[in-house]
Amino acid sequence: MDIRTLRYFVEVVRQQSFTRAAEKLFVTQPTISKMLKKPRR
């Protein structure tokens, strides 16, 4: 897991919402979903 993916994950947990996390991070909701679906190394 890289630092960006970790930031996305933490923000989703904080916001309890993919949509609100995306707004806070200035990315789209599908971007966050895709990043968190990627297999971890």
PDB file of N, CA and C in Angstrom:
ATOM      1  N   MET A   1       0.854  -1.175   0.000  1.00  0.00           N
ATOM      2  CA  MET A   1       0.000   0.000   0.000  1.00  0.00           C
ATOM      3  C   MET A   1       0.900   1.238   0.000  1.00  0.00           C
ATOM      4  N   ASP A   2       0.686   2.107  -0.958  1.00  0.00           N
ATOM      5  CA  ASP A   2       1.495   3.334  -1.004  1.00  0.00           C
ATOM      6  C   ASP A   2       0.850   4.427  -0.151  1.00  0.00           C
ATOM      7  N   ILE A   3       1.545   5.530   0.000  1.00  0.00           N
ATOM      8  CA  ILE A   3       1.093   6.607   0.890  1.00  0.00           C
ATOM      9  C   ILE A   3      -0.232   7.218   0.423  1.00  0.00           C
ATOM     10  N   ARG A   4      -0.424   7.334  -0.871  1.00  0.00           N
ATOM     11  CA  ARG A   4      -1.675   7.909  -1.387  1.00  0.00           C
ATOM     12  C   ARG A   4      -2.865   7.012  -1.038  1.00  0.00           C
ATOM     13  N   THR A   5      -2.694   5.723  -1.244  1.00  0.00           N
ATOM     14  CA  THR A   5      -3.764   4.780  -0.917  1.00  0.00           C
ATOM     15  C   THR A   5      -4.081   4.828   0.574  1.00  0.00           C
ATOM     16  N   LEU A   6      -3.053   4.923   1.385  1.00  0.00           N
ATOM     17  CA  LEU A   6      -3.255   5.018   2.829  1.00  0.00           C
ATOM     18  C   LEU A   6      -4.019   6.292   3.193  1.00  0.00           C
ATOM     19  N   ARG A   7      -3.669   7.412   2.569  1.00  0.00           N
ATOM     20  CA  ARG A   7      -4.385   8.674   2.813  1.00  0.00           C
ATOM     21  C   ARG A   7      -5.855   8.541   2.427  1.00  0.00           C
ATOM     22  N   TYR A   8      -6.124   7.902   1.288  1.00  0.00           N
ATOM     23  CA  TYR A   8      -7.504   7.696   0.846  1.00  0.00           C
ATOM     24  C   TYR A   8      -8.260   6.853   1.868  1.00  0.00           C
ATOM     25  N   PHE A   9      -7.631   5.768   2.295  1.00  0.00           N
ATOM     26  CA  PHE A   9      -8.266   4.872   3.260  1.00  0.00           C
ATOM     27  C   PHE A   9      -8.596   5.599   4.566  1.00  0.00           C
ATOM     28  N   VAL A  10      -7.622   6.331   5.085  1.00  0.00           N
ATOM     29  CA  VAL A  10      -7.819   7.060   6.344  1.00  0.00           C
ATOM     30  C   VAL A  10      -8.954   8.073   6.207  1.00  0.00           C
ATOM     31  N   GLU A  11      -8.993   8.778   5.090  1.00  0.00           N
ATOM     32  CA  GLU A  11     -10.041   9.792   4.908  1.00  0.00           C
ATOM     33  C   GLU A  11     -11.423   9.151   4.775  1.00  0.00           C
ATOM     34  N   VAL A  12     -11.517   8.008   4.114  1.00  0.00           N
ATOM     35  CA  VAL A  12     -12.804   7.303   4.011  1.00  0.00           C
ATOM     36  C   VAL A  12     -13.277   6.900   5.408  1.00  0.00           C
ATOM     37  N   VAL A  13     -12.364   6.402   6.226  1.00  0.00           N
ATOM     38  CA  VAL A  13     -12.735   6.020   7.595  1.00  0.00           C
ATOM     39  C   VAL A  13     -13.173   7.252   8.385  1.00  0.00           C
ATOM     40  N   ARG A  14     -12.420   8.341   8.284  1.00  0.00           N
ATOM     41  CA  ARG A  14     -12.767   9.572   9.012  1.00  0.00           C
ATOM     42  C   ARG A  14     -14.132  10.113   8.602  1.00  0.00           C
ATOM     43  N   GLN A  15     -14.378  10.139   7.310  1.00  0.00           N
ATOM     44  CA  GLN A  15     -15.624  10.708   6.791  1.00  0.00           C
ATOM     45  C   GLN A  15     -16.786   9.718   6.828  1.00  0.00           C
ATOM     46  N   GLN A  16     -16.467   8.433   6.937  1.00  0.00           N
ATOM     47  CA  GLN A  16     -17.462   7.361   6.890  1.00  0.00           C
ATOM     48  C   GLN A  16     -18.262   7.405   5.593  1.00  0.00           C
ATOM     49  N   SER A  17     -17.592   7.855   4.534  1.00  0.00           N
ATOM     50  CA  SER A  17     -18.256   7.979   3.238  1.00  0.00           C
ATOM     51  C   SER A  17     -17.204   8.134   2.147  1.00  0.00           C
ATOM     52  N   PHE A  18     -17.345   7.335   1.095  1.00  0.00           N
ATOM     53  CA  PHE A  18     -16.439   7.471  -0.038  1.00  0.00           C
ATOM     54  C   PHE A  18     -16.637   8.823  -0.717  1.00  0.00           C
ATOM     55  N   THR A  19     -17.883   9.246  -0.842  1.00  0.00           N
ATOM     56  CA  THR A  19     -18.186  10.502  -1.532  1.00  0.00           C
ATOM     57  C   THR A  19     -17.608  11.701  -0.796  1.00  0.00           C
ATOM     58  N   ARG A  20     -17.818  11.761   0.515  1.00  0.00           N
ATOM     59  CA  ARG A  20     -17.282  12.897   1.289  1.00  0.00           C
ATOM     60  C   ARG A  20     -15.762  12.877   1.331  1.00  0.00           C
ATOM     61  N   ALA A  21     -15.174  11.691   1.399  1.00  0.00           N
ATOM     62  CA  ALA A  21     -13.716  11.586   1.375  1.00  0.00           C
ATOM     63  C   ALA A  21     -13.181  12.098   0.042  1.00  0.00           C
ATOM     64  N   ALA A  22     -13.843  11.735  -1.040  1.00  0.00           N
ATOM     65  CA  ALA A  22     -13.423  12.196  -2.364  1.00  0.00           C
ATOM     66  C   ALA A  22     -13.469  13.717  -2.449  1.00  0.00           C
ATOM     67  N   GLU A  23     -14.512  14.310  -1.908  1.00  0.00           N
ATOM     68  CA  GLU A  23     -14.622  15.777  -1.920  1.00  0.00           C
ATOM     69  C   GLU A  23     -13.482  16.412  -1.130  1.00  0.00           C
ATOM     70  N   LYS A  24     -13.155  15.857   0.018  1.00  0.00           N
ATOM     71  CA  LYS A  24     -12.071  16.391   0.854  1.00  0.00           C
ATOM     72  C   LYS A  24     -10.711  16.268   0.170  1.00  0.00           C
ATOM     73  N   LEU A  25     -10.537  15.178  -0.590  1.00  0.00           N
ATOM     74  CA  LEU A  25      -9.246  14.904  -1.230  1.00  0.00           C
ATOM     75  C   LEU A  25      -9.163  15.466  -2.655  1.00  0.00           C
ATOM     76  N   PHE A  26     -10.247  16.083  -3.111  1.00  0.00           N
ATOM     77  CA  PHE A  26     -10.291  16.675  -4.458  1.00  0.00           C
ATOM     78  C   PHE A  26     -10.042  15.648  -5.562  1.00  0.00           C
ATOM     79  N   VAL A  27     -10.671  14.479  -5.394  1.00  0.00           N
ATOM     80  CA  VAL A  27     -10.641  13.433  -6.419  1.00  0.00           C
ATOM     81  C   VAL A  27     -12.075  12.943  -6.601  1.00  0.00           C
ATOM     82  N   THR A  28     -12.280  12.100  -7.606  1.00  0.00           N
ATOM     83  CA  THR A  28     -13.619  11.551  -7.807  1.00  0.00           C
ATOM     84  C   THR A  28     -13.812  10.318  -6.925  1.00  0.00           C
ATOM     85  N   GLN A  29     -15.063  10.014  -6.652  1.00  0.00           N
ATOM     86  CA  GLN A  29     -15.365   8.849  -5.824  1.00  0.00           C
ATOM     87  C   GLN A  29     -14.890   7.547  -6.483  1.00  0.00           C
ATOM     88  N   PRO A  30     -15.045   7.379  -7.811  1.00  0.00           N
ATOM     89  CA  PRO A  30     -14.532   6.157  -8.426  1.00  0.00           C
ATOM     90  C   PRO A  30     -13.010   5.999  -8.291  1.00  0.00           C
ATOM     91  N   THR A  31     -12.290   7.116  -8.241  1.00  0.00           N
ATOM     92  CA  THR A  31     -10.840   7.042  -8.061  1.00  0.00           C
ATOM     93  C   THR A  31     -10.510   6.388  -6.726  1.00  0.00           C
ATOM     94  N   ILE A  32     -11.192   6.816  -5.684  1.00  0.00           N
ATOM     95  CA  ILE A  32     -10.949   6.238  -4.360  1.00  0.00           C
ATOM     96  C   ILE A  32     -11.329   4.758  -4.354  1.00  0.00           C
ATOM     97  N   SER A  33     -12.463   4.432  -4.929  1.00  0.00           N
ATOM     98  CA  SER A  33     -12.901   3.032  -4.969  1.00  0.00           C
ATOM     99  C   SER A  33     -11.879   2.152  -5.674  1.00  0.00           C
ATOM    100  N   LYS A  34     -11.387   2.613  -6.810  1.00  0.00           N
ATOM    101  CA  LYS A  34     -10.406   1.832  -7.569  1.00  0.00           C
ATOM    102  C   LYS A  34      -9.109   1.654  -6.794  1.00  0.00           C
ATOM    103  N   MET A  35      -8.649   2.731  -6.159  1.00  0.00           N
ATOM    104  CA  MET A  35      -7.391   2.650  -5.402  1.00  0.00           C
ATOM    105  C   MET A  35      -7.505   1.655  -4.249  1.00  0.00           C
ATOM    106  N   LEU A  36      -8.651   1.634  -3.593  1.00  0.00           N
ATOM    107  CA  LEU A  36      -8.808   0.752  -2.443  1.00  0.00           C
ATOM    108  C   LEU A  36      -9.133  -0.684  -2.838  1.00  0.00           C
ATOM    109  N   LYS A  37      -9.525  -0.911  -4.096  1.00  0.00           N
ATOM    110  CA  LYS A  37      -9.797  -2.265  -4.576  1.00  0.00           C
ATOM    111  C   LYS A  37      -8.538  -2.968  -5.051  1.00  0.00           C
ATOM    112  N   LYS A  38      -7.496  -2.196  -5.381  1.00  0.00           N
ATOM    113  CA  LYS A  38      -6.270  -2.796  -5.908  1.00  0.00           C
ATOM    114  C   LYS A  38      -5.718  -3.820  -4.920  1.00  0.00           C
ATOM    115  N   PRO A  39      -5.198  -4.929  -5.453  1.00  0.00           N
ATOM    116  CA  PRO A  39      -4.588  -5.917  -4.551  1.00  0.00           C
ATOM    117  C   PRO A  39      -3.393  -5.305  -3.815  1.00  0.00           C
ATOM    118  N   ARG A  40      -3.277  -5.650  -2.562  1.00  0.00           N
ATOM    119  CA  ARG A  40      -2.159  -5.128  -1.768  1.00  0.00           C
ATOM    120  C   ARG A  40      -0.940  -6.008  -1.967  1.00  0.00           C
ATOM    121  N   ARG A  41       0.215  -5.366  -1.935  1.00  0.00           N
ATOM    122  CA  ARG A  41       1.463  -6.137  -2.078  1.00  0.00           C
ATOM    123  C   ARG A  41       2.032  -6.465  -0.727  1.00  0.00           C
TER     124      ARG A  41
END
